[in-house]
């Protein structure tokens, strides 16, 4: 899957919900996910890939709200 396709998928699934939350609060969710990724990395937990995927998805949600094409 190309970056553009993934961004469009996230837009279709989450944009309405993200717009209601707003860019600032969506960005705070991204930061929370980065914190979870940091903890998982430091503890060498086996769900590191899942945490990385969460960070990626939230980052794309923020980009969508800000009108940024990541590709």
N, C-alpha and C. Protein backbone atom coordinates (compact mmCIF):
# COMPACT_ATOMS: atom_id res chain seq x y z
N UNK A 1 0.85 -1.18 0.00
CA UNK A 1 0.00 0.00 0.00
C UNK A 1 0.90 1.25 0.00
N UNK A 2 0.56 2.19 -0.83
CA UNK A 2 1.29 3.46 -0.91
C UNK A 2 0.85 4.38 0.23
N UNK A 3 1.70 5.34 0.56
CA UNK A 3 1.38 6.29 1.64
C UNK A 3 0.07 7.01 1.36
N UNK A 4 -0.12 7.45 0.13
CA UNK A 4 -1.36 8.16 -0.24
C UNK A 4 -2.59 7.28 0.01
N UNK A 5 -2.50 6.02 -0.35
CA UNK A 5 -3.63 5.09 -0.14
C UNK A 5 -3.93 4.93 1.35
N UNK A 6 -2.88 4.80 2.15
CA UNK A 6 -3.08 4.66 3.58
C UNK A 6 -3.70 5.93 4.17
N UNK A 7 -3.23 7.08 3.72
CA UNK A 7 -3.79 8.33 4.21
C UNK A 7 -5.26 8.46 3.83
N UNK A 8 -5.62 8.05 2.64
CA UNK A 8 -7.02 8.08 2.22
C UNK A 8 -7.87 7.11 3.03
N UNK A 9 -7.33 5.95 3.35
CA UNK A 9 -8.05 4.99 4.18
C UNK A 9 -8.33 5.57 5.56
N UNK A 10 -7.31 6.15 6.17
CA UNK A 10 -7.49 6.78 7.49
C UNK A 10 -8.51 7.91 7.39
N UNK A 11 -8.46 8.67 6.31
CA UNK A 11 -9.43 9.77 6.10
C UNK A 11 -10.86 9.22 6.04
N UNK A 12 -11.07 8.17 5.25
CA UNK A 12 -12.42 7.61 5.11
C UNK A 12 -12.95 7.07 6.44
N UNK A 13 -12.09 6.43 7.19
CA UNK A 13 -12.54 5.76 8.41
C UNK A 13 -12.66 6.73 9.58
N UNK A 14 -11.74 7.68 9.71
CA UNK A 14 -11.65 8.47 10.94
C UNK A 14 -11.86 9.96 10.81
N UNK A 15 -11.94 10.52 9.61
CA UNK A 15 -11.96 11.98 9.48
C UNK A 15 -13.12 12.63 10.22
N UNK A 16 -14.30 12.09 10.09
CA UNK A 16 -15.46 12.71 10.75
C UNK A 16 -15.25 12.77 12.27
N UNK A 17 -14.82 11.67 12.84
CA UNK A 17 -14.56 11.60 14.28
C UNK A 17 -13.43 12.56 14.67
N UNK A 18 -12.37 12.59 13.86
CA UNK A 18 -11.24 13.47 14.15
C UNK A 18 -11.64 14.94 14.06
N UNK A 19 -12.48 15.29 13.09
CA UNK A 19 -12.93 16.68 12.96
C UNK A 19 -13.72 17.11 14.19
N UNK A 20 -14.54 16.22 14.71
CA UNK A 20 -15.30 16.55 15.92
C UNK A 20 -14.38 16.78 17.10
N UNK A 21 -13.30 15.99 17.17
CA UNK A 21 -12.33 16.11 18.26
C UNK A 21 -11.47 17.36 18.08
N UNK A 22 -11.14 17.68 16.83
CA UNK A 22 -10.31 18.84 16.53
C UNK A 22 -8.83 18.47 16.45
N UNK A 23 -8.08 19.33 15.78
CA UNK A 23 -6.66 19.06 15.55
C UNK A 23 -5.86 19.03 16.85
N UNK A 24 -6.13 19.96 17.75
CA UNK A 24 -5.36 20.01 19.00
C UNK A 24 -5.53 18.74 19.82
N UNK A 25 -6.76 18.31 20.00
CA UNK A 25 -7.00 17.10 20.80
C UNK A 25 -6.52 15.85 20.08
N UNK A 26 -6.61 15.83 18.76
CA UNK A 26 -6.09 14.69 18.00
C UNK A 26 -4.58 14.63 18.13
N UNK A 27 -3.93 15.78 18.11
CA UNK A 27 -2.48 15.82 18.31
C UNK A 27 -2.11 15.31 19.70
N UNK A 28 -2.90 15.63 20.70
CA UNK A 28 -2.63 15.12 22.05
C UNK A 28 -2.74 13.60 22.10
N UNK A 29 -3.68 13.03 21.35
CA UNK A 29 -3.78 11.57 21.26
C UNK A 29 -2.52 11.00 20.63
N UNK A 30 -2.00 11.67 19.60
CA UNK A 30 -0.75 11.24 18.97
C UNK A 30 0.37 11.22 20.01
N UNK A 31 0.46 12.27 20.80
CA UNK A 31 1.51 12.32 21.82
C UNK A 31 1.36 11.20 22.85
N UNK A 32 0.13 10.89 23.21
CA UNK A 32 -0.11 9.79 24.14
C UNK A 32 0.39 8.47 23.54
N UNK A 33 0.12 8.27 22.27
CA UNK A 33 0.57 7.05 21.60
C UNK A 33 2.09 7.00 21.51
N UNK A 34 2.73 8.14 21.30
CA UNK A 34 4.20 8.18 21.29
C UNK A 34 4.72 7.78 22.67
N UNK A 35 4.06 8.22 23.72
CA UNK A 35 4.44 7.82 25.07
C UNK A 35 4.32 6.31 25.27
N UNK A 36 3.24 5.73 24.77
CA UNK A 36 3.06 4.28 24.87
C UNK A 36 4.14 3.54 24.09
N UNK A 37 4.48 4.06 22.93
CA UNK A 37 5.55 3.47 22.12
C UNK A 37 6.88 3.54 22.88
N UNK A 38 7.15 4.68 23.50
CA UNK A 38 8.38 4.85 24.26
C UNK A 38 8.48 3.83 25.39
N UNK A 39 7.39 3.67 26.14
CA UNK A 39 7.39 2.69 27.24
C UNK A 39 7.62 1.28 26.72
N UNK A 40 6.93 0.92 25.64
CA UNK A 40 7.08 -0.41 25.08
C UNK A 40 8.52 -0.64 24.60
N UNK A 41 9.11 0.37 24.00
CA UNK A 41 10.49 0.26 23.51
C UNK A 41 11.47 0.07 24.68
N UNK A 42 11.32 0.89 25.70
CA UNK A 42 12.23 0.82 26.84
C UNK A 42 12.11 -0.50 27.59
N UNK A 43 10.92 -1.05 27.62
CA UNK A 43 10.69 -2.30 28.36
C UNK A 43 10.89 -3.53 27.47
N UNK A 44 11.25 -3.27 26.21
CA UNK A 44 11.45 -4.36 25.24
C UNK A 44 10.24 -5.28 25.15
N UNK A 45 9.06 -4.66 25.14
CA UNK A 45 7.81 -5.41 25.07
C UNK A 45 7.59 -5.93 23.65
N UNK A 46 6.87 -7.01 23.53
CA UNK A 46 6.73 -7.65 22.22
C UNK A 46 5.61 -7.06 21.37
N UNK A 47 4.91 -6.04 21.83
CA UNK A 47 3.87 -5.41 21.00
C UNK A 47 4.35 -4.07 20.43
N UNK A 48 5.65 -3.94 20.25
CA UNK A 48 6.25 -2.71 19.75
C UNK A 48 5.68 -2.32 18.38
N UNK A 49 5.52 -3.30 17.50
CA UNK A 49 4.98 -3.03 16.17
C UNK A 49 3.58 -2.45 16.22
N UNK A 50 2.77 -2.95 17.12
CA UNK A 50 1.41 -2.44 17.29
C UNK A 50 1.43 -0.98 17.75
N UNK A 51 2.33 -0.67 18.66
CA UNK A 51 2.44 0.72 19.13
C UNK A 51 2.93 1.63 18.01
N UNK A 52 3.84 1.14 17.19
CA UNK A 52 4.31 1.92 16.04
C UNK A 52 3.17 2.19 15.06
N UNK A 53 2.35 1.19 14.83
CA UNK A 53 1.20 1.35 13.93
C UNK A 53 0.23 2.39 14.48
N UNK A 54 0.02 2.39 15.79
CA UNK A 54 -0.86 3.39 16.41
C UNK A 54 -0.32 4.80 16.18
N UNK A 55 0.98 4.98 16.40
CA UNK A 55 1.60 6.29 16.19
C UNK A 55 1.44 6.73 14.74
N UNK A 56 1.69 5.83 13.82
CA UNK A 56 1.55 6.15 12.40
C UNK A 56 0.13 6.58 12.06
N UNK A 57 -0.85 5.83 12.55
CA UNK A 57 -2.25 6.15 12.25
C UNK A 57 -2.65 7.51 12.82
N UNK A 58 -2.25 7.79 14.05
CA UNK A 58 -2.59 9.09 14.65
C UNK A 58 -1.87 10.23 13.94
N UNK A 59 -0.63 10.01 13.52
CA UNK A 59 0.10 11.04 12.78
C UNK A 59 -0.62 11.35 11.47
N UNK A 60 -1.09 10.32 10.79
CA UNK A 60 -1.82 10.52 9.54
C UNK A 60 -3.14 11.24 9.80
N UNK A 61 -3.80 10.94 10.90
CA UNK A 61 -5.03 11.65 11.24
C UNK A 61 -4.76 13.14 11.43
N UNK A 62 -3.68 13.47 12.11
CA UNK A 62 -3.33 14.89 12.31
C UNK A 62 -3.03 15.53 10.95
N UNK A 63 -2.28 14.84 10.11
CA UNK A 63 -1.98 15.38 8.78
C UNK A 63 -3.26 15.64 8.00
N UNK A 64 -4.21 14.72 8.07
CA UNK A 64 -5.48 14.93 7.37
C UNK A 64 -6.20 16.17 7.87
N UNK A 65 -6.22 16.36 9.17
CA UNK A 65 -6.89 17.54 9.72
C UNK A 65 -6.20 18.84 9.31
N UNK A 66 -4.89 18.77 9.12
CA UNK A 66 -4.14 19.98 8.76
C UNK A 66 -4.00 20.14 7.25
N UNK A 67 -4.59 19.22 6.48
CA UNK A 67 -4.55 19.32 5.03
C UNK A 67 -3.17 19.04 4.45
N UNK A 68 -2.42 18.19 5.11
CA UNK A 68 -1.06 17.86 4.66
C UNK A 68 -1.08 16.50 3.96
N UNK A 69 -0.58 16.47 2.75
CA UNK A 69 -0.43 15.23 2.00
C UNK A 69 0.94 14.67 2.33
N UNK A 70 0.99 13.55 3.02
CA UNK A 70 2.26 12.99 3.48
C UNK A 70 3.09 12.39 2.35
N UNK A 71 2.47 12.12 1.23
CA UNK A 71 3.24 11.58 0.11
C UNK A 71 3.93 12.70 -0.62
